[in-house]
Amino acid sequence: MAGGMKTLAKETALYGMSSILGRFLNWLLNPFWTWVLADTAQMGVVNNLYSWTALTVVILTYGMETGLFRFANKQEENPLRVYTTTLISIAFTTLLFVVLTLLFHEQITPFFGSAEIKSHYVLLLIIILGLDTLSAIPFAYLRYQKRPVRFATIQILNVVITIALNLFFFLACPWLAAKFPDAFSWFDISKGVDYILISNLVASAIRLMLLSPQLKVKYTFDFALLKRMLVYSLPLLILGVAGIMNQNLDKMLYPHLSTETDKMGQLGVYSASFKIAVIMVMFTQAFRYAFEPFIFAKNKELGDNKTAYSQATKYFVIFCLFIFLAIMGYLDIIKLLLEGDYREGIRIVPIVMIAELFFGIYFNLSLWYKLTDQTKWGAYLSIIGLVVTVLGNVLFVPVYGYMACAWTAFFANLVMMLTSYFLGQKNYPIRYDLKSAAFYFVVTMALFAGIMFASANIGNLWLRVIVNTIFIGIYVLIVVKKDLPLREIPIVGRYYRK
């Protein structure tokens, strides 16, 4: 690999470790909840609320994380002034949001479209949103400063606290309530949503406290700088909102669009299976942590860096296709993590995983408008995807239920990816290795067909796993032979050469 690719791989490992580990531990909460929540409707409520949380945090940060990277890397700017200006702006708007929404949280609650969402859920959610948003910019600055150890420690500790509190409420408290009924008379296992939100709130508060050293700086506020940052970042807000809505709008709108009697229950089934595909998102997010600072830093260097960008995207595709095959190959085992009532939704997993692959590629392609400061194109592309998402959900969810949600995500991300590629070739042409991408995609689909054939025709679970492992191994061998010789892999290469 070239030096730039090695740097990217190293930073992906450092920053991505906390993201992958943290998301994986959080991912384990999803099957855990399927066993401890009272019914599938409560799972639907949790996922509906967290979908709105994801959207609101993007709105409240309004693209300023990326703006921070862009302006802090400009030679004529003072990075600390960029950081404090950003932090003051975000803090002001966040506190304004929290105060206003707390005052009117009871009036906001019916907007969620379900009587199963209580006003005190919204109250807890608002506080969580404020804490998470205030943490976003200090975290971004840690990435800019290249402090992966502190970044990873805080991220992982946040997840560990969340999990520990969930285990306390759902496993320890029932046992303690049986042993000491007077001391635990407050505990009610049917209030599962409350305990999930309280666990999140406590963990978010502790995380902000741990970030307090990043808040103890000499503050300066540059209004002229803020205006320039907003011009750059606000189009990214539209991009971020549309991107989050493309991923979460189905869960937001499902209670409004579904014609089924048990709307929240069906949403819970869909959401539980959807989370299995989040493994693809784990790598996409980890890659983003390294890739976004990398492209702006590389853009400051002299020479042609387009080859490095092309190679980064190539290896991203190769790895994501491996993730896809691995999940599909072991899906029969993974689905056992879900409580039986949720397993009918497992059929959406391959659709959603390919959709997430398309979105990951779209993100990698998006560098052309970031590097040329034409972020308005990001907004246009995201709006195109959002239109497809809205139309797909509104037209087909009433008829086909949550399967329409999965296919809509697939086509929305496909349209965004293709449109971004063709526009990018006109405005900032990069010679992506399309032949390799097509080759690996065809190989993956052929091996996936083999996995599906084995799943349909081999009755013994462990024999299916063995056969599927062989299919996955074939993919790995092809990658090693064609694009990743063992001698180029750190540590492994040293022993290989011996």
Protein backbone atom coordinates (compact mmCIF):
# COMPACT_ATOMS: atom_id res chain seq x y z
CA MET A 1 0.00 0.00 0.00
CA ALA A 2 1.08 3.59 -0.51
CA GLY A 3 2.11 5.68 2.49
CA GLY A 4 -1.17 7.58 2.50
CA MET A 5 -3.14 4.36 2.55
CA LYS A 6 -1.09 3.08 5.49
CA THR A 7 -1.83 6.32 7.37
CA LEU A 8 -5.52 5.95 6.62
CA ALA A 9 -5.49 2.33 7.79
CA LYS A 10 -3.71 3.31 11.02
CA GLU A 11 -6.13 6.13 11.83
CA THR A 12 -9.10 3.93 10.96
CA ALA A 13 -7.80 1.39 13.48
CA LEU A 14 -7.20 4.00 16.19
CA TYR A 15 -10.35 6.10 15.86
CA GLY A 16 -12.46 3.28 14.51
CA MET A 17 -11.70 0.97 17.41
CA SER A 18 -13.86 2.98 19.78
CA SER A 19 -16.58 3.38 17.19
CA ILE A 20 -16.67 -0.28 16.22
CA LEU A 21 -16.36 -1.58 19.78
CA GLY A 22 -18.80 0.98 21.13
CA ARG A 23 -21.34 0.37 18.41
CA PHE A 24 -20.92 -3.39 18.74
CA LEU A 25 -21.57 -3.26 22.47
CA ASN A 26 -24.57 -1.00 21.84
CA TRP A 27 -25.62 -3.38 19.08
CA LEU A 28 -25.75 -6.18 21.67
CA LEU A 29 -28.35 -4.17 23.58
CA ASN A 30 -30.74 -4.59 20.65
CA PRO A 31 -31.16 -8.39 20.99
CA PHE A 32 -31.04 -7.97 24.77
CA TRP A 33 -34.03 -5.64 24.63
CA THR A 34 -35.99 -8.14 22.53
CA TRP A 35 -35.83 -10.53 25.49
CA VAL A 36 -36.47 -8.11 28.38
CA LEU A 37 -39.00 -5.59 27.03
CA ALA A 38 -42.63 -6.41 27.67
CA ASP A 39 -43.58 -6.66 23.99
CA THR A 40 -42.56 -5.75 20.43
CA ALA A 41 -44.47 -2.47 20.74
CA GLN A 42 -42.05 -1.21 23.39
CA MET A 43 -39.18 -2.00 21.02
CA GLY A 44 -41.03 0.03 18.38
CA VAL A 45 -41.34 2.97 20.78
CA VAL A 46 -37.61 2.89 21.63
CA ASN A 47 -36.56 2.85 17.97
CA ASN A 48 -39.04 5.54 17.01
CA LEU A 49 -37.70 7.84 19.74
CA TYR A 50 -34.07 7.19 18.87
CA SER A 51 -34.75 7.86 15.20
CA TRP A 52 -35.93 11.33 16.12
CA THR A 53 -32.89 11.71 18.37
CA ALA A 54 -30.49 10.98 15.50
CA LEU A 55 -32.21 13.58 13.31
CA THR A 56 -32.33 16.26 15.99
CA VAL A 57 -28.63 15.96 16.90
CA VAL A 58 -27.74 16.49 13.22
CA ILE A 59 -29.94 19.59 13.14
CA LEU A 60 -28.48 20.96 16.36
CA THR A 61 -24.87 20.55 15.15
CA TYR A 62 -25.82 21.99 11.71
CA GLY A 63 -22.77 20.70 9.85
CA MET A 64 -20.28 22.44 12.13
CA GLU A 65 -18.26 19.29 12.87
CA THR A 66 -17.15 19.12 9.25
CA GLY A 67 -16.82 22.91 9.21
CA LEU A 68 -14.46 22.65 12.18
CA PHE A 69 -12.19 20.26 10.28
CA ARG A 70 -12.26 22.38 7.15
CA PHE A 71 -11.45 25.74 8.78
CA ALA A 72 -9.05 24.40 11.43
CA ASN A 73 -6.95 22.97 8.60
CA LYS A 74 -6.77 26.28 6.76
CA GLN A 75 -3.33 27.85 7.19
CA GLU A 76 -4.69 31.34 7.69
CA GLU A 77 -6.99 30.30 10.55
CA ASN A 78 -6.23 29.81 14.25
CA PRO A 79 -7.52 26.29 15.13
CA LEU A 80 -8.35 27.22 18.74
CA ARG A 81 -10.35 30.26 17.60
CA VAL A 82 -12.21 28.05 15.11
CA TYR A 83 -12.97 25.55 17.88
CA THR A 84 -14.19 28.06 20.48
CA THR A 85 -16.26 29.99 17.96
CA THR A 86 -17.92 26.73 16.94
CA LEU A 87 -18.44 25.65 20.54
CA ILE A 88 -20.06 28.93 21.58
CA SER A 89 -22.41 28.85 18.60
CA ILE A 90 -23.46 25.24 19.24
CA ALA A 91 -23.87 25.80 22.99
CA PHE A 92 -26.14 28.83 22.46
CA THR A 93 -28.45 27.15 19.95
CA THR A 94 -28.57 23.91 21.95
CA LEU A 95 -29.53 25.59 25.20
CA LEU A 96 -32.18 27.61 23.38
CA PHE A 97 -33.61 24.39 21.92
CA VAL A 98 -33.63 22.59 25.28
CA VAL A 99 -35.39 25.44 27.09
CA LEU A 100 -38.10 25.86 24.45
CA THR A 101 -38.82 22.15 24.02
CA LEU A 102 -38.92 21.51 27.76
CA LEU A 103 -41.56 24.22 28.08
CA PHE A 104 -43.73 22.64 25.39
CA HIS A 105 -42.88 18.93 25.64
CA GLU A 106 -46.48 17.93 26.41
CA GLN A 107 -47.70 19.70 23.26
CA ILE A 108 -44.91 18.06 21.21
CA THR A 109 -45.72 14.48 22.31
CA PRO A 110 -48.76 13.87 20.04
CA PHE A 111 -46.57 14.73 17.04
CA PHE A 112 -44.91 11.31 17.35
CA GLY A 113 -48.11 9.70 16.13
CA SER A 114 -48.66 7.06 18.81
CA ALA A 115 -50.45 7.04 22.14
CA GLU A 116 -47.79 4.61 23.37
CA ILE A 117 -45.23 7.44 23.43
CA LYS A 118 -45.66 9.25 26.75
CA SER A 119 -44.84 12.88 27.45
CA HIS A 120 -42.22 11.99 30.06
CA TYR A 121 -40.39 9.96 27.38
CA VAL A 122 -40.12 13.18 25.38
CA LEU A 123 -38.93 15.07 28.47
CA LEU A 124 -36.08 12.60 29.01
CA LEU A 125 -35.26 12.62 25.31
CA ILE A 126 -34.88 16.41 25.23
CA ILE A 127 -32.30 16.34 28.04
CA ILE A 128 -30.39 13.52 26.32
CA LEU A 129 -30.37 15.53 23.08
CA GLY A 130 -28.92 18.58 24.83
CA LEU A 131 -26.14 16.56 26.48
CA ASP A 132 -25.22 14.67 23.30
CA THR A 133 -25.12 17.82 21.18
CA LEU A 134 -22.90 19.67 23.66
CA SER A 135 -20.49 16.70 23.50
CA ALA A 136 -20.26 16.63 19.70
CA ILE A 137 -17.82 19.53 19.11
CA PRO A 138 -15.33 18.59 21.87
CA PHE A 139 -15.27 15.10 20.36
CA ALA A 140 -14.62 16.54 16.91
CA TYR A 141 -11.77 18.64 18.30
CA LEU A 142 -10.20 15.53 19.83
CA ARG A 143 -10.21 14.01 16.37
CA TYR A 144 -8.62 17.15 14.93
CA GLN A 145 -5.93 17.04 17.62
CA LYS A 146 -5.34 13.36 16.81
CA ARG A 147 -5.91 12.17 20.36
CA PRO A 148 -7.36 8.73 19.69
CA VAL A 149 -6.68 7.26 23.14
CA ARG A 150 -8.74 9.86 24.99
CA PHE A 151 -11.36 9.77 22.24
CA ALA A 152 -11.66 5.97 22.45
CA THR A 153 -11.63 5.87 26.25
CA ILE A 154 -14.53 8.29 26.64
CA GLN A 155 -16.55 6.69 23.86
CA ILE A 156 -16.16 3.17 25.20
CA LEU A 157 -16.77 4.24 28.81
CA ASN A 158 -20.02 5.88 27.70
CA VAL A 159 -21.20 2.60 26.17
CA VAL A 160 -20.05 0.54 29.16
CA ILE A 161 -22.04 2.78 31.54
CA THR A 162 -25.11 2.51 29.32
CA ILE A 163 -24.89 -1.27 29.22
CA ALA A 164 -24.18 -1.55 32.95
CA LEU A 165 -27.29 0.51 33.77
CA ASN A 166 -29.41 -1.58 31.38
CA LEU A 167 -28.18 -4.76 33.07
CA PHE A 168 -28.91 -3.22 36.46
CA PHE A 169 -32.49 -2.28 35.59
CA PHE A 170 -33.45 -5.38 33.61
CA LEU A 171 -31.49 -8.15 35.37
CA ALA A 172 -30.43 -6.99 38.84
CA CYS A 173 -33.56 -5.04 39.77
CA PRO A 174 -36.05 -7.91 39.19
CA TRP A 175 -33.91 -10.14 41.42
CA LEU A 176 -33.48 -7.44 44.06
CA ALA A 177 -37.18 -6.59 43.97
CA ALA A 178 -37.99 -10.23 44.69
CA LYS A 179 -35.48 -10.35 47.56
CA PHE A 180 -36.15 -6.88 49.00
CA PRO A 181 -39.68 -5.87 47.91
CA ASP A 182 -39.90 -2.86 50.24
CA ALA A 183 -36.63 -1.31 49.10
CA PHE A 184 -37.46 -1.84 45.43
CA SER A 185 -41.16 -1.05 45.46
CA TRP A 186 -40.43 1.67 42.88
CA PHE A 187 -39.34 -0.90 40.30
CA ASP A 188 -41.79 -1.96 37.58
CA ILE A 189 -40.43 -4.23 34.83
CA SER A 190 -43.20 -3.13 32.46
CA LYS A 191 -41.62 0.37 32.36
CA GLY A 192 -38.80 -0.81 30.12
CA VAL A 193 -38.72 2.30 27.94
CA ASP A 194 -38.23 4.50 31.01
CA TYR A 195 -35.21 2.51 32.15
CA ILE A 196 -33.60 2.57 28.70
CA LEU A 197 -33.93 6.36 28.51
CA ILE A 198 -32.71 6.89 32.08
CA SER A 199 -29.64 4.72 31.36
CA ASN A 200 -28.90 6.82 28.28
CA LEU A 201 -29.34 10.09 30.14
CA VAL A 202 -26.94 9.15 32.95
CA ALA A 203 -24.30 7.90 30.50
CA SER A 204 -24.58 11.07 28.38
CA ALA A 205 -24.20 13.29 31.45
CA ILE A 206 -21.06 11.44 32.57
CA ARG A 207 -19.61 11.66 29.05
CA LEU A 208 -20.01 15.45 29.00
CA MET A 209 -18.32 15.64 32.41
CA LEU A 210 -15.37 13.60 31.07
CA LEU A 211 -15.07 16.07 28.19
CA SER A 212 -14.81 19.03 30.56
CA PRO A 213 -11.01 19.42 29.99
CA GLN A 214 -11.80 20.17 26.34
CA LEU A 215 -14.15 22.91 27.56
CA LYS A 216 -11.50 24.59 29.74
CA VAL A 217 -9.88 26.70 27.03
CA LYS A 218 -9.39 30.39 26.33
CA TYR A 219 -12.60 31.36 24.56
CA THR A 220 -12.68 33.76 21.64
CA PHE A 221 -15.67 34.37 19.42
CA ASP A 222 -15.16 35.52 15.85
CA PHE A 223 -18.47 36.47 14.28
CA ALA A 224 -16.96 36.97 10.83
CA LEU A 225 -15.41 33.50 11.04
CA LEU A 226 -18.73 32.04 12.15
CA LYS A 227 -20.47 33.52 9.12
CA ARG A 228 -17.92 31.92 6.80
CA MET A 229 -18.28 28.61 8.60
CA LEU A 230 -22.05 28.75 8.37
CA VAL A 231 -21.90 29.42 4.62
CA TYR A 232 -19.76 26.28 4.30
CA SER A 233 -21.60 24.15 6.88
CA LEU A 234 -25.30 24.92 6.42
CA PRO A 235 -25.51 23.06 3.10
CA LEU A 236 -23.98 20.14 5.01
CA LEU A 237 -26.87 20.49 7.47
CA ILE A 238 -29.29 19.80 4.66
CA LEU A 239 -27.07 16.93 3.58
CA GLY A 240 -26.96 15.56 7.12
CA VAL A 241 -30.69 15.94 7.70
CA ALA A 242 -31.51 14.26 4.43
CA GLY A 243 -28.96 11.52 5.12
CA ILE A 244 -30.34 10.80 8.58
CA MET A 245 -33.90 10.92 7.27
CA ASN A 246 -32.99 8.52 4.51
CA GLN A 247 -31.88 6.11 7.24
CA ASN A 248 -34.53 6.85 9.86
CA LEU A 249 -37.58 8.31 8.16
CA ASP A 250 -39.16 4.88 7.86
CA LYS A 251 -39.12 4.48 11.65
CA MET A 252 -40.35 8.04 12.15
CA LEU A 253 -43.26 7.77 9.73
CA TYR A 254 -44.24 4.13 10.26
CA PRO A 255 -46.77 4.90 13.03
CA HIS A 256 -48.39 7.46 10.70
CA LEU A 257 -48.36 5.34 7.51
CA SER A 258 -48.94 1.75 8.57
CA THR A 259 -52.45 0.36 8.23
CA GLU A 260 -51.73 -2.55 10.59
CA THR A 261 -53.40 -2.80 13.96
CA ASP A 262 -50.17 -3.34 15.87
CA LYS A 263 -48.15 -0.54 14.26
CA MET A 264 -45.58 -0.19 17.02
CA GLY A 265 -45.25 -3.95 17.30
CA GLN A 266 -44.44 -4.28 13.60
CA LEU A 267 -42.04 -1.36 13.87
CA GLY A 268 -40.34 -3.19 16.73
CA VAL A 269 -39.93 -6.34 14.61
CA TYR A 270 -38.55 -4.33 11.70
CA SER A 271 -36.20 -2.30 13.89
CA ALA A 272 -34.75 -5.35 15.64
CA SER A 273 -33.79 -6.94 12.32
CA PHE A 274 -32.67 -3.60 10.86
CA LYS A 275 -30.13 -3.31 13.69
CA ILE A 276 -28.40 -6.48 12.50
CA ALA A 277 -27.42 -4.59 9.34
CA VAL A 278 -25.91 -1.84 11.50
CA ILE A 279 -22.69 -3.85 11.49
CA MET A 280 -22.17 -2.36 8.03
CA VAL A 281 -22.75 1.11 9.46
CA MET A 282 -20.18 0.43 12.20
CA PHE A 283 -17.40 0.23 9.63
CA THR A 284 -18.79 3.15 7.62
CA GLN A 285 -18.68 5.35 10.72
CA ALA A 286 -15.22 4.16 11.73
CA PHE A 287 -13.96 4.88 8.22
CA ARG A 288 -15.53 8.35 8.41
CA TYR A 289 -13.61 9.25 11.56
CA ALA A 290 -10.32 8.75 9.74
CA PHE A 291 -11.35 9.60 6.19
CA GLU A 292 -12.80 13.08 6.73
CA PRO A 293 -9.73 14.59 8.47
CA PHE A 294 -7.51 12.62 6.07
CA ILE A 295 -8.91 14.12 2.87
CA PHE A 296 -8.63 17.70 4.15
CA ALA A 297 -5.10 17.14 5.43
CA LYS A 298 -4.09 15.54 2.13
CA ASN A 299 -5.61 18.44 0.24
CA LYS A 300 -3.08 20.76 1.91
CA GLU A 301 -0.18 18.75 0.49
CA LEU A 302 1.26 19.34 -2.94
CA GLY A 303 0.87 16.80 -5.70
CA ASP A 304 -1.86 14.53 -7.02
CA ASN A 305 -3.74 12.86 -4.15
CA LYS A 306 -6.59 11.51 -6.23
CA THR A 307 -5.01 8.06 -6.44
CA ALA A 308 -5.06 7.82 -2.64
CA TYR A 309 -8.74 8.77 -2.57
CA SER A 310 -9.51 6.17 -5.22
CA GLN A 311 -7.61 3.47 -3.34
CA ALA A 312 -9.38 4.36 -0.09
CA THR A 313 -12.77 3.87 -1.74
CA LYS A 314 -11.65 0.63 -3.36
CA TYR A 315 -10.62 -0.96 -0.06
CA PHE A 316 -13.73 0.37 1.60
CA VAL A 317 -15.89 -1.49 -0.94
CA ILE A 318 -13.84 -4.67 -0.60
CA PHE A 319 -14.15 -4.71 3.17
CA CYS A 320 -17.85 -3.84 3.23
CA LEU A 321 -18.62 -6.67 0.82
CA PHE A 322 -16.74 -9.01 3.15
CA ILE A 323 -18.90 -7.76 6.05
CA PHE A 324 -22.00 -8.44 3.96
CA LEU A 325 -20.97 -12.02 3.19
CA ALA A 326 -19.95 -12.70 6.78
CA ILE A 327 -23.29 -11.54 8.18
CA MET A 328 -25.30 -13.44 5.59
CA GLY A 329 -23.18 -16.56 6.06
CA TYR A 330 -23.79 -16.64 9.80
CA LEU A 331 -27.29 -15.13 9.84
CA ASP A 332 -28.83 -18.41 11.02
CA ILE A 333 -26.77 -18.09 14.20
CA ILE A 334 -27.11 -14.32 14.59
CA LYS A 335 -30.90 -14.47 14.42
CA LEU A 336 -30.93 -16.73 17.50
CA LEU A 337 -29.93 -13.64 19.48
CA LEU A 338 -33.40 -12.22 18.83
CA GLU A 339 -36.41 -13.35 20.80
CA GLY A 340 -38.69 -15.52 18.67
CA ASP A 341 -41.38 -12.87 18.03
CA TYR A 342 -38.81 -10.71 16.20
CA ARG A 343 -37.28 -13.27 13.83
CA GLU A 344 -39.83 -12.87 11.05
CA GLY A 345 -38.17 -9.54 10.15
CA ILE A 346 -34.82 -11.15 9.36
CA ARG A 347 -35.64 -11.17 5.63
CA ILE A 348 -34.87 -7.45 5.39
CA VAL A 349 -31.22 -7.86 6.44
CA PRO A 350 -29.57 -8.41 2.99
CA ILE A 351 -31.59 -5.56 1.47
CA VAL A 352 -30.66 -3.10 4.20
CA MET A 353 -26.99 -4.14 4.24
CA ILE A 354 -26.59 -3.46 0.51
CA ALA A 355 -28.42 -0.17 1.03
CA GLU A 356 -25.89 0.77 3.72
CA LEU A 357 -23.05 -0.22 1.39
CA PHE A 358 -24.42 2.19 -1.22
CA PHE A 359 -24.62 4.93 1.39
CA GLY A 360 -21.04 4.29 2.49
CA ILE A 361 -19.81 4.55 -1.10
CA TYR A 362 -21.87 7.72 -1.53
CA PHE A 363 -20.10 9.22 1.48
CA ASN A 364 -16.70 8.39 0.01
CA LEU A 365 -17.68 9.91 -3.33
CA SER A 366 -18.86 13.08 -1.59
CA LEU A 367 -15.32 14.39 -1.15
CA TRP A 368 -15.47 16.12 -4.55
CA TYR A 369 -17.87 18.81 -3.35
CA LYS A 370 -16.19 19.11 0.06
CA LEU A 371 -12.73 19.69 -1.40
CA THR A 372 -14.02 22.17 -3.96
CA ASP A 373 -16.13 23.99 -1.32
CA GLN A 374 -19.29 23.28 -3.34
CA THR A 375 -21.16 21.80 -0.41
CA LYS A 376 -24.44 22.94 -1.93
CA TRP A 377 -24.20 19.84 -4.15
CA GLY A 378 -24.27 17.68 -1.04
CA ALA A 379 -27.56 19.29 -0.13
CA TYR A 380 -28.98 18.75 -3.62
CA LEU A 381 -27.96 15.09 -3.67
CA SER A 382 -29.38 14.45 -0.23
CA ILE A 383 -32.65 16.08 -1.19
CA ILE A 384 -32.86 13.77 -4.20
CA GLY A 385 -32.40 10.79 -1.90
CA LEU A 386 -34.93 12.18 0.54
CA VAL A 387 -37.53 12.57 -2.20
CA VAL A 388 -37.10 8.91 -3.11
CA THR A 389 -37.33 7.96 0.58
CA VAL A 390 -40.50 9.94 1.18
CA LEU A 391 -42.23 8.71 -1.96
CA GLY A 392 -41.24 5.09 -1.34
CA ASN A 393 -42.50 5.09 2.23
CA VAL A 394 -45.68 7.07 1.63
CA LEU A 395 -46.70 5.04 -1.44
CA PHE A 396 -45.74 1.53 -0.38
CA VAL A 397 -45.68 1.22 3.43
CA PRO A 398 -49.52 1.22 3.66
CA VAL A 399 -49.55 -1.73 1.24
CA TYR A 400 -46.39 -3.74 1.95
CA GLY A 401 -45.52 -2.77 5.52
CA TYR A 402 -41.92 -2.73 6.65
CA MET A 403 -40.62 -4.53 3.53
CA ALA A 404 -41.33 -1.28 1.69
CA CYS A 405 -39.09 0.52 4.19
CA ALA A 406 -36.17 -1.76 3.38
CA TRP A 407 -36.49 -1.53 -0.41
CA THR A 408 -36.99 2.22 -0.27
CA ALA A 409 -33.68 2.59 1.59
CA PHE A 410 -32.03 0.41 -1.07
CA PHE A 411 -33.18 2.53 -4.01
CA ALA A 412 -32.74 5.89 -2.29
CA ASN A 413 -29.08 5.18 -1.50
CA LEU A 414 -28.49 3.72 -4.96
CA VAL A 415 -29.82 6.87 -6.62
CA MET A 416 -27.68 9.11 -4.41
CA MET A 417 -24.55 7.06 -5.05
CA LEU A 418 -24.91 7.02 -8.83
CA THR A 419 -25.87 10.69 -9.09
CA SER A 420 -22.92 11.74 -6.93
CA TYR A 421 -20.51 9.67 -9.00
CA PHE A 422 -21.51 11.20 -12.34
CA LEU A 423 -21.57 14.77 -10.98
CA GLY A 424 -18.19 14.21 -9.30
CA GLN A 425 -16.59 13.08 -12.55
CA LYS A 426 -17.58 16.39 -14.12
CA ASN A 427 -16.51 18.67 -11.26
CA TYR A 428 -13.58 16.84 -9.62
CA PRO A 429 -12.74 13.80 -11.76
CA ILE A 430 -11.14 10.86 -9.98
CA ARG A 431 -10.30 7.59 -11.69
CA TYR A 432 -12.06 5.15 -9.42
CA ASP A 433 -11.30 1.48 -10.00
CA LEU A 434 -14.74 0.61 -11.32
CA LYS A 435 -13.59 -2.70 -12.78
CA SER A 436 -12.48 -3.95 -9.38
CA ALA A 437 -15.66 -2.70 -7.73
CA ALA A 438 -17.80 -4.46 -10.33
CA PHE A 439 -15.69 -7.61 -10.10
CA TYR A 440 -16.01 -7.87 -6.33
CA PHE A 441 -19.71 -7.04 -6.39
CA VAL A 442 -20.40 -9.81 -8.93
CA VAL A 443 -18.27 -12.28 -6.94
CA THR A 444 -20.09 -11.32 -3.75
CA MET A 445 -23.52 -11.77 -5.31
CA ALA A 446 -22.52 -15.18 -6.71
CA LEU A 447 -21.27 -16.30 -3.29
CA PHE A 448 -24.38 -14.84 -1.66
CA ALA A 449 -26.51 -16.92 -4.03
CA GLY A 450 -24.54 -19.96 -2.87
CA ILE A 451 -25.22 -19.05 0.76
CA MET A 452 -28.92 -18.67 0.07
CA PHE A 453 -29.00 -22.02 -1.77
CA ALA A 454 -27.30 -23.70 1.17
CA SER A 455 -29.73 -22.10 3.64
CA ALA A 456 -32.70 -23.37 1.62
CA ASN A 457 -31.46 -26.91 0.99
CA ILE A 458 -29.26 -27.96 3.92
CA GLY A 459 -31.31 -28.79 6.99
CA ASN A 460 -28.50 -29.15 9.53
CA LEU A 461 -27.52 -25.76 10.99
CA TRP A 462 -23.86 -26.53 11.56
CA LEU A 463 -23.42 -28.09 8.13
CA ARG A 464 -24.87 -24.90 6.64
CA VAL A 465 -22.41 -22.85 8.69
CA ILE A 466 -19.49 -24.94 7.39
CA VAL A 467 -20.61 -24.57 3.78
CA ASN A 468 -21.17 -20.82 4.21
CA THR A 469 -17.73 -20.46 5.82
CA ILE A 470 -16.24 -22.00 2.69
CA PHE A 471 -18.05 -19.40 0.55
CA ILE A 472 -16.71 -16.59 2.76
CA GLY A 473 -13.23 -18.12 2.60
CA ILE A 474 -13.36 -18.11 -1.19
CA TYR A 475 -13.96 -14.36 -1.13
CA VAL A 476 -11.03 -13.80 1.25
CA LEU A 477 -8.73 -15.89 -0.95
CA ILE A 478 -9.72 -13.88 -4.02
CA VAL A 479 -9.00 -10.60 -2.21
CA VAL A 480 -5.62 -11.83 -0.95
CA LYS A 481 -4.68 -13.11 -4.39
CA LYS A 482 -5.84 -10.04 -6.33
CA ASP A 483 -5.50 -6.95 -4.12
CA LEU A 484 -4.05 -7.65 -0.70
CA PRO A 485 -0.95 -9.88 -0.83
CA LEU A 486 -0.02 -11.25 2.57
CA ARG A 487 3.47 -9.73 2.40
CA GLU A 488 1.89 -6.23 2.46
CA ILE A 489 -0.12 -6.82 5.63
CA PRO A 490 1.61 -5.43 8.77
CA ILE A 491 2.92 -8.12 11.17
CA VAL A 492 1.52 -10.93 8.99
CA GLY A 493 3.83 -9.84 6.18
CA ARG A 494 6.88 -10.12 8.42
CA TYR A 495 6.20 -13.78 9.15
CA TYR A 496 5.10 -14.43 5.57
CA ARG A 497 8.47 -13.24 4.26
CA LYS A 498 10.27 -15.60 6.63
